[in-house]
Amino acid sequence: MKNILFTFTMLLVFCGLSASAQAQARVSQFTANSIHPHSVTANYPHEDCTVISTAYAVTAGTNTLTFSVGSGSPFQIVRQSEGLNCSITADFPVNTKALAVNTLTTGIRPALTVTFSVPVTEMEFQAQIFGFGTERFTFEVFNGEESLAVFTVEDQMDYTQTGLRGYIGARTSGDDRITKVKVWAEFPDDAKHNEAVANKFAIGPVSYRLDRDE
């Protein structure tokens, strides 16, 4: 009887691990710019410093991308530059216009959700935290309400990795598509910088592909 129970238990563990590995294999991660020539990039059309409500939609190509965070987290358009209004110093390429998440309530770190009106085969963008030290982004890729995979990106915030640090990207395989991605930001441990950062981070333009065969 013990042998039967042991065998049954090991079978459950094996099946669980196999299912997890299979789900993760359905999506591969990008950790640096890998934009395909036929990718479409969604830029942010509003002027620098524009404050936007907690839901924001941008149309690019045949797709509409909707950005949402929840109550208490308005967006603002910022730019990688020096000396300009609403400029930021980060690792975005120079002059990049970015969408900043300004969470007003300290201690709460809501997920940023990016939803595609037309499902895509791959998506990628760069994310940056406003602060110093180590940053970590966790992002979850969905096909409808099904979670396909969860990935983590962790970097040191030293402002020397232009276009590389905080790069978030994923590509599906087979018949899977990406309908949305959720992103969580973990901020530096240093308390004085945490207070100044006040749960703020930004993402650059989002690129996507509809079809792998283009």
C-alpha atoms as a PDB file:
ATOM      1  CA  MET A   1       0.000   0.000   0.000  1.00  0.00           C
ATOM      2  CA  LYS A   2       2.867   2.386   0.869  1.00  0.00           C
ATOM      3  CA  ASN A   3       4.481   1.694  -2.490  1.00  0.00           C
ATOM      4  CA  ILE A   4       1.216   2.468  -4.270  1.00  0.00           C
ATOM      5  CA  LEU A   5       0.842   5.764  -2.383  1.00  0.00           C
ATOM      6  CA  PHE A   6       4.462   6.718  -3.074  1.00  0.00           C
ATOM      7  CA  THR A   7       4.067   5.947  -6.778  1.00  0.00           C
ATOM      8  CA  PHE A   8       0.821   7.952  -6.934  1.00  0.00           C
ATOM      9  CA  THR A   9       2.427  10.917  -5.138  1.00  0.00           C
ATOM     10  CA  MET A  10       5.441  10.930  -7.434  1.00  0.00           C
ATOM     11  CA  LEU A  11       3.121  10.757 -10.441  1.00  0.00           C
ATOM     12  CA  LEU A  12       1.290  13.873  -9.237  1.00  0.00           C
ATOM     13  CA  VAL A  13       4.574  15.723  -8.686  1.00  0.00           C
ATOM     14  CA  PHE A  14       5.855  14.688 -12.092  1.00  0.00           C
ATOM     15  CA  CYS A  15       2.644  15.733 -13.824  1.00  0.00           C
ATOM     16  CA  GLY A  16       2.669  19.059 -11.990  1.00  0.00           C
ATOM     17  CA  LEU A  17       6.258  19.781 -12.995  1.00  0.00           C
ATOM     18  CA  SER A  18       5.572  18.712 -16.564  1.00  0.00           C
ATOM     19  CA  ALA A  19       2.551  21.008 -16.812  1.00  0.00           C
ATOM     20  CA  SER A  20       4.552  23.929 -15.416  1.00  0.00           C
ATOM     21  CA  ALA A  21       7.478  23.313 -17.771  1.00  0.00           C
ATOM     22  CA  GLN A  22       5.125  22.943 -20.715  1.00  0.00           C
ATOM     23  CA  ALA A  23       3.389  26.236 -19.949  1.00  0.00           C
ATOM     24  CA  GLN A  24       6.724  28.066 -19.624  1.00  0.00           C
ATOM     25  CA  ALA A  25       7.909  26.574 -22.934  1.00  0.00           C
ATOM     26  CA  ARG A  26       4.944  28.164 -24.693  1.00  0.00           C
ATOM     27  CA  VAL A  27       6.576  31.583 -24.237  1.00  0.00           C
ATOM     28  CA  SER A  28      10.209  32.674 -24.615  1.00  0.00           C
ATOM     29  CA  GLN A  29      11.601  35.784 -22.935  1.00  0.00           C
ATOM     30  CA  PHE A  30      13.474  38.734 -24.445  1.00  0.00           C
ATOM     31  CA  THR A  31      16.027  40.479 -22.217  1.00  0.00           C
ATOM     32  CA  ALA A  32      17.281  42.934 -24.848  1.00  0.00           C
ATOM     33  CA  ASN A  33      15.963  44.671 -27.938  1.00  0.00           C
ATOM     34  CA  SER A  34      15.027  42.059 -30.544  1.00  0.00           C
ATOM     35  CA  ILE A  35      12.492  44.027 -32.574  1.00  0.00           C
ATOM     36  CA  HIS A  36      11.621  42.379 -35.883  1.00  0.00           C
ATOM     37  CA  PRO A  37      11.561  44.528 -39.065  1.00  0.00           C
ATOM     38  CA  HIS A  38       7.800  43.964 -39.283  1.00  0.00           C
ATOM     39  CA  SER A  39       7.114  44.919 -35.686  1.00  0.00           C
ATOM     40  CA  VAL A  40       4.718  47.786 -34.973  1.00  0.00           C
ATOM     41  CA  THR A  41       5.688  50.305 -32.298  1.00  0.00           C
ATOM     42  CA  ALA A  42       3.128  52.180 -30.228  1.00  0.00           C
ATOM     43  CA  ASN A  43       4.447  55.592 -29.247  1.00  0.00           C
ATOM     44  CA  TYR A  44       2.763  58.039 -26.891  1.00  0.00           C
ATOM     45  CA  PRO A  45       1.197  60.925 -28.871  1.00  0.00           C
ATOM     46  CA  HIS A  46       0.501  63.324 -25.988  1.00  0.00           C
ATOM     47  CA  GLU A  47       2.791  66.242 -25.207  1.00  0.00           C
ATOM     48  CA  ASP A  48       5.472  66.041 -22.526  1.00  0.00           C
ATOM     49  CA  CYS A  49       4.157  66.548 -18.974  1.00  0.00           C
ATOM     50  CA  THR A  50       0.583  65.582 -19.888  1.00  0.00           C
ATOM     51  CA  VAL A  51      -1.176  63.913 -16.960  1.00  0.00           C
ATOM     52  CA  ILE A  52      -3.554  61.129 -17.997  1.00  0.00           C
ATOM     53  CA  SER A  53      -6.219  59.218 -16.101  1.00  0.00           C
ATOM     54  CA  THR A  54      -5.617  55.700 -14.790  1.00  0.00           C
ATOM     55  CA  ALA A  55      -6.636  54.174 -18.137  1.00  0.00           C
ATOM     56  CA  TYR A  56      -4.871  55.202 -21.346  1.00  0.00           C
ATOM     57  CA  ALA A  57      -5.311  53.889 -24.893  1.00  0.00           C
ATOM     58  CA  VAL A  58      -2.938  54.226 -27.863  1.00  0.00           C
ATOM     59  CA  THR A  59      -3.638  53.009 -31.400  1.00  0.00           C
ATOM     60  CA  ALA A  60      -0.747  51.649 -33.465  1.00  0.00           C
ATOM     61  CA  GLY A  61      -1.222  49.801 -36.735  1.00  0.00           C
ATOM     62  CA  THR A  62      -4.396  47.733 -36.506  1.00  0.00           C
ATOM     63  CA  ASN A  63      -4.149  47.384 -32.727  1.00  0.00           C
ATOM     64  CA  THR A  64      -5.206  49.429 -29.723  1.00  0.00           C
ATOM     65  CA  LEU A  65      -3.087  49.122 -26.599  1.00  0.00           C
ATOM     66  CA  THR A  66      -4.773  49.972 -23.304  1.00  0.00           C
ATOM     67  CA  PHE A  67      -2.665  50.775 -20.248  1.00  0.00           C
ATOM     68  CA  SER A  68      -4.256  50.547 -16.804  1.00  0.00           C
ATOM     69  CA  VAL A  69      -3.054  50.527 -13.210  1.00  0.00           C
ATOM     70  CA  GLY A  70      -6.070  51.184 -11.015  1.00  0.00           C
ATOM     71  CA  SER A  71      -7.283  54.028  -8.861  1.00  0.00           C
ATOM     72  CA  GLY A  72      -4.658  56.287  -7.351  1.00  0.00           C
ATOM     73  CA  SER A  73      -2.119  55.754 -10.150  1.00  0.00           C
ATOM     74  CA  PRO A  74      -2.405  58.396 -12.889  1.00  0.00           C
ATOM     75  CA  PHE A  75      -0.057  58.336 -15.874  1.00  0.00           C
ATOM     76  CA  GLN A  76       2.198  61.134 -17.102  1.00  0.00           C
ATOM     77  CA  ILE A  77       4.172  61.598 -20.305  1.00  0.00           C
ATOM     78  CA  VAL A  78       7.896  62.075 -19.591  1.00  0.00           C
ATOM     79  CA  ARG A  79      11.027  62.179 -21.737  1.00  0.00           C
ATOM     80  CA  GLN A  80      14.606  60.882 -21.415  1.00  0.00           C
ATOM     81  CA  SER A  81      16.525  64.138 -21.512  1.00  0.00           C
ATOM     82  CA  GLU A  82      18.217  66.734 -19.347  1.00  0.00           C
ATOM     83  CA  GLY A  83      16.989  70.167 -18.412  1.00  0.00           C
ATOM     84  CA  LEU A  84      13.565  69.909 -20.040  1.00  0.00           C
ATOM     85  CA  ASN A  85      10.207  69.970 -18.313  1.00  0.00           C
ATOM     86  CA  CYS A  86       9.189  66.468 -17.168  1.00  0.00           C
ATOM     87  CA  SER A  87      12.566  65.084 -18.217  1.00  0.00           C
ATOM     88  CA  ILE A  88      13.999  61.966 -16.588  1.00  0.00           C
ATOM     89  CA  THR A  89      17.456  60.483 -16.223  1.00  0.00           C
ATOM     90  CA  ALA A  90      17.271  56.749 -16.816  1.00  0.00           C
ATOM     91  CA  ASP A  91      18.553  54.153 -19.292  1.00  0.00           C
ATOM     92  CA  PHE A  92      16.091  54.858 -22.078  1.00  0.00           C
ATOM     93  CA  PRO A  93      17.686  55.919 -25.372  1.00  0.00           C
ATOM     94  CA  VAL A  94      18.132  59.704 -25.500  1.00  0.00           C
ATOM     95  CA  ASN A  95      14.933  61.642 -26.258  1.00  0.00           C
ATOM     96  CA  THR A  96      12.666  58.630 -25.698  1.00  0.00           C
ATOM     97  CA  LYS A  97       9.140  59.581 -24.698  1.00  0.00           C
ATOM     98  CA  ALA A  98       7.906  57.301 -21.912  1.00  0.00           C
ATOM     99  CA  LEU A  99       4.714  56.625 -19.994  1.00  0.00           C
ATOM    100  CA  ALA A 100       5.218  57.124 -16.261  1.00  0.00           C
ATOM    101  CA  VAL A 101       3.121  55.404 -13.612  1.00  0.00           C
ATOM    102  CA  ASN A 102       2.724  57.789 -10.677  1.00  0.00           C
ATOM    103  CA  THR A 103       1.310  55.801  -7.793  1.00  0.00           C
ATOM    104  CA  LEU A 104       0.243  58.382  -5.238  1.00  0.00           C
ATOM    105  CA  THR A 105      -0.213  56.049  -2.271  1.00  0.00           C
ATOM    106  CA  THR A 106       3.100  54.918  -0.805  1.00  0.00           C
ATOM    107  CA  GLY A 107       3.426  51.266   0.098  1.00  0.00           C
ATOM    108  CA  ILE A 108       1.079  50.080  -2.657  1.00  0.00           C
ATOM    109  CA  ARG A 109       2.664  48.697  -5.800  1.00  0.00           C
ATOM    110  CA  PRO A 110      -0.135  47.871  -8.240  1.00  0.00           C
ATOM    111  CA  ALA A 111       0.484  45.980 -11.456  1.00  0.00           C
ATOM    112  CA  LEU A 112       0.568  47.843 -14.739  1.00  0.00           C
ATOM    113  CA  THR A 113      -1.604  45.995 -17.271  1.00  0.00           C
ATOM    114  CA  VAL A 114      -1.053  46.380 -21.016  1.00  0.00           C
ATOM    115  CA  THR A 115      -3.936  44.921 -23.048  1.00  0.00           C
ATOM    116  CA  PHE A 116      -3.931  44.341 -26.822  1.00  0.00           C
ATOM    117  CA  SER A 117      -7.258  44.653 -28.662  1.00  0.00           C
ATOM    118  CA  VAL A 118      -5.869  42.252 -31.282  1.00  0.00           C
ATOM    119  CA  PRO A 119      -3.858  39.337 -29.823  1.00  0.00           C
ATOM    120  CA  VAL A 120      -0.144  39.409 -30.693  1.00  0.00           C
ATOM    121  CA  THR A 121       2.606  36.813 -31.087  1.00  0.00           C
ATOM    122  CA  GLU A 122       5.262  38.921 -29.377  1.00  0.00           C
ATOM    123  CA  MET A 123       5.646  42.169 -27.466  1.00  0.00           C
ATOM    124  CA  GLU A 124       8.515  44.105 -25.912  1.00  0.00           C
ATOM    125  CA  PHE A 125       9.312  47.364 -24.145  1.00  0.00           C
ATOM    126  CA  GLN A 126      11.771  48.851 -21.683  1.00  0.00           C
ATOM    127  CA  ALA A 127      10.825  49.684 -18.086  1.00  0.00           C
ATOM    128  CA  GLN A 128      12.658  51.925 -15.614  1.00  0.00           C
ATOM    129  CA  ILE A 129      12.211  52.711 -11.923  1.00  0.00           C
ATOM    130  CA  PHE A 130      12.834  56.256 -10.674  1.00  0.00           C
ATOM    131  CA  GLY A 131      15.500  55.659  -8.047  1.00  0.00           C
ATOM    132  CA  PHE A 132      18.863  54.057  -7.327  1.00  0.00           C
ATOM    133  CA  GLY A 133      20.080  50.560  -6.507  1.00  0.00           C
ATOM    134  CA  THR A 134      18.602  47.291  -7.701  1.00  0.00           C
ATOM    135  CA  GLU A 135      15.323  47.198  -9.607  1.00  0.00           C
ATOM    136  CA  ARG A 136      13.233  44.126 -10.306  1.00  0.00           C
ATOM    137  CA  PHE A 137      10.325  43.738 -12.702  1.00  0.00           C
ATOM    138  CA  THR A 138       8.094  40.683 -12.660  1.00  0.00           C
ATOM    139  CA  PHE A 139       5.797  40.264 -15.626  1.00  0.00           C
ATOM    140  CA  GLU A 140       3.059  37.769 -16.409  1.00  0.00           C
ATOM    141  CA  VAL A 141       1.958  36.940 -19.962  1.00  0.00           C
ATOM    142  CA  PHE A 142      -1.672  36.020 -20.650  1.00  0.00           C
ATOM    143  CA  ASN A 143      -3.700  34.471 -23.461  1.00  0.00           C
ATOM    144  CA  GLY A 144      -7.179  35.581 -22.516  1.00  0.00           C
ATOM    145  CA  GLU A 145      -7.459  34.784 -18.811  1.00  0.00           C
ATOM    146  CA  GLU A 146      -4.918  31.952 -19.036  1.00  0.00           C
ATOM    147  CA  SER A 147      -1.485  32.728 -17.621  1.00  0.00           C
ATOM    148  CA  LEU A 148       1.157  31.481 -20.053  1.00  0.00           C
ATOM    149  CA  ALA A 149       4.305  32.332 -18.092  1.00  0.00           C
ATOM    150  CA  VAL A 150       5.857  34.538 -15.418  1.00  0.00           C
ATOM    151  CA  PHE A 151       9.300  36.095 -15.903  1.00  0.00           C
ATOM    152  CA  THR A 152      11.619  38.341 -13.877  1.00  0.00           C
ATOM    153  CA  VAL A 153      14.060  41.030 -14.971  1.00  0.00           C
ATOM    154  CA  GLU A 154      16.531  42.383 -12.397  1.00  0.00           C
ATOM    155  CA  ASP A 155      19.159  45.051 -13.038  1.00  0.00           C
ATOM    156  CA  GLN A 156      21.414  47.491 -11.245  1.00  0.00           C
ATOM    157  CA  MET A 157      20.310  51.068 -11.770  1.00  0.00           C
ATOM    158  CA  ASP A 158      23.495  52.799 -12.890  1.00  0.00           C
ATOM    159  CA  TYR A 159      22.309  54.675 -16.002  1.00  0.00           C
ATOM    160  CA  THR A 160      25.006  53.198 -18.247  1.00  0.00           C
ATOM    161  CA  GLN A 161      22.997  50.521 -20.082  1.00  0.00           C
ATOM    162  CA  THR A 162      21.159  52.655 -22.617  1.00  0.00           C
ATOM    163  CA  GLY A 163      18.279  50.736 -24.152  1.00  0.00           C
ATOM    164  CA  LEU A 164      19.134  47.543 -22.245  1.00  0.00           C
ATOM    165  CA  ARG A 165      18.287  47.764 -18.559  1.00  0.00           C
ATOM    166  CA  GLY A 166      14.776  46.706 -17.539  1.00  0.00           C
ATOM    167  CA  TYR A 167      13.947  45.150 -20.903  1.00  0.00           C
ATOM    168  CA  ILE A 168      10.644  43.249 -20.907  1.00  0.00           C
ATOM    169  CA  GLY A 169       9.719  41.037 -23.837  1.00  0.00           C
ATOM    170  CA  ALA A 170       8.077  37.748 -24.750  1.00  0.00           C
ATOM    171  CA  ARG A 171       7.290  35.648 -27.820  1.00  0.00           C
ATOM    172  CA  THR A 172       4.718  32.857 -27.949  1.00  0.00           C
ATOM    173  CA  SER A 173       4.946  29.600 -29.883  1.00  0.00           C
ATOM    174  CA  GLY A 174       2.354  27.378 -31.571  1.00  0.00           C
ATOM    175  CA  ASP A 175      -1.193  28.709 -31.522  1.00  0.00           C
ATOM    176  CA  ASP A 176      -0.739  30.840 -28.405  1.00  0.00           C
ATOM    177  CA  ARG A 177      -1.186  34.594 -28.545  1.00  0.00           C
ATOM    178  CA  ILE A 178      -0.583  37.385 -26.055  1.00  0.00           C
ATOM    179  CA  THR A 179      -3.682  39.371 -25.125  1.00  0.00           C
ATOM    180  CA  LYS A 180      -2.251  41.186 -22.113  1.00  0.00           C
ATOM    181  CA  VAL A 181       0.780  41.461 -19.879  1.00  0.00           C
ATOM    182  CA  LYS A 182       0.920  42.502 -16.228  1.00  0.00           C
ATOM    183  CA  VAL A 183       4.041  44.167 -14.819  1.00  0.00           C
ATOM    184  CA  TRP A 184       5.000  44.553 -11.161  1.00  0.00           C
ATOM    185  CA  ALA A 185       7.860  46.851 -10.134  1.00  0.00           C
ATOM    186  CA  GLU A 186       9.924  46.293  -6.991  1.00  0.00           C
ATOM    187  CA  PHE A 187      11.673  49.405  -5.824  1.00  0.00           C
ATOM    188  CA  PRO A 188      15.094  49.987  -4.214  1.00  0.00           C
ATOM    189  CA  ASP A 189      15.582  48.922  -0.604  1.00  0.00           C
ATOM    190  CA  ASP A 190      17.141  52.227   0.387  1.00  0.00           C
ATOM    191  CA  ALA A 191      14.463  53.979   2.487  1.00  0.00           C
ATOM    192  CA  LYS A 192      15.400  57.548   1.565  1.00  0.00           C
ATOM    193  CA  HIS A 193      15.189  56.739  -2.134  1.00  0.00           C
ATOM    194  CA  ASN A 194      12.014  54.767  -1.619  1.00  0.00           C
ATOM    195  CA  GLU A 195      10.398  57.825  -0.093  1.00  0.00           C
ATOM    196  CA  ALA A 196      11.526  60.031  -2.981  1.00  0.00           C
ATOM    197  CA  VAL A 197      10.528  57.504  -5.618  1.00  0.00           C
ATOM    198  CA  ALA A 198       7.016  57.149  -4.160  1.00  0.00           C
ATOM    199  CA  ASN A 199       6.271  54.103  -6.328  1.00  0.00           C
ATOM    200  CA  LYS A 200       7.017  55.653  -9.702  1.00  0.00           C
ATOM    201  CA  PHE A 201       8.269  53.891 -12.804  1.00  0.00           C
ATOM    202  CA  ALA A 202       7.990  54.344 -16.560  1.00  0.00           C
ATOM    203  CA  ILE A 203       7.829  52.256 -19.716  1.00  0.00           C
ATOM    204  CA  GLY A 204       9.041  53.202 -23.170  1.00  0.00           C
ATOM    205  CA  PRO A 205       7.209  52.609 -26.465  1.00  0.00           C
ATOM    206  CA  VAL A 206       5.658  49.130 -26.804  1.00  0.00           C
ATOM    207  CA  SER A 207       6.453  47.071 -29.919  1.00  0.00           C
ATOM    208  CA  TYR A 208       4.467  44.048 -31.055  1.00  0.00           C
ATOM    209  CA  ARG A 209       3.953  41.576 -33.902  1.00  0.00           C
ATOM    210  CA  LEU A 210       0.651  40.068 -34.986  1.00  0.00           C
ATOM    211  CA  ASP A 211       1.997  37.229 -37.117  1.00  0.00           C
ATOM    212  CA  ARG A 212       5.233  35.243 -36.940  1.00  0.00           C
ATOM    213  CA  ASP A 213       5.282  34.721 -40.708  1.00  0.00           C
ATOM    214  CA  GLU A 214       5.387  38.378 -41.717  1.00  0.00           C
END
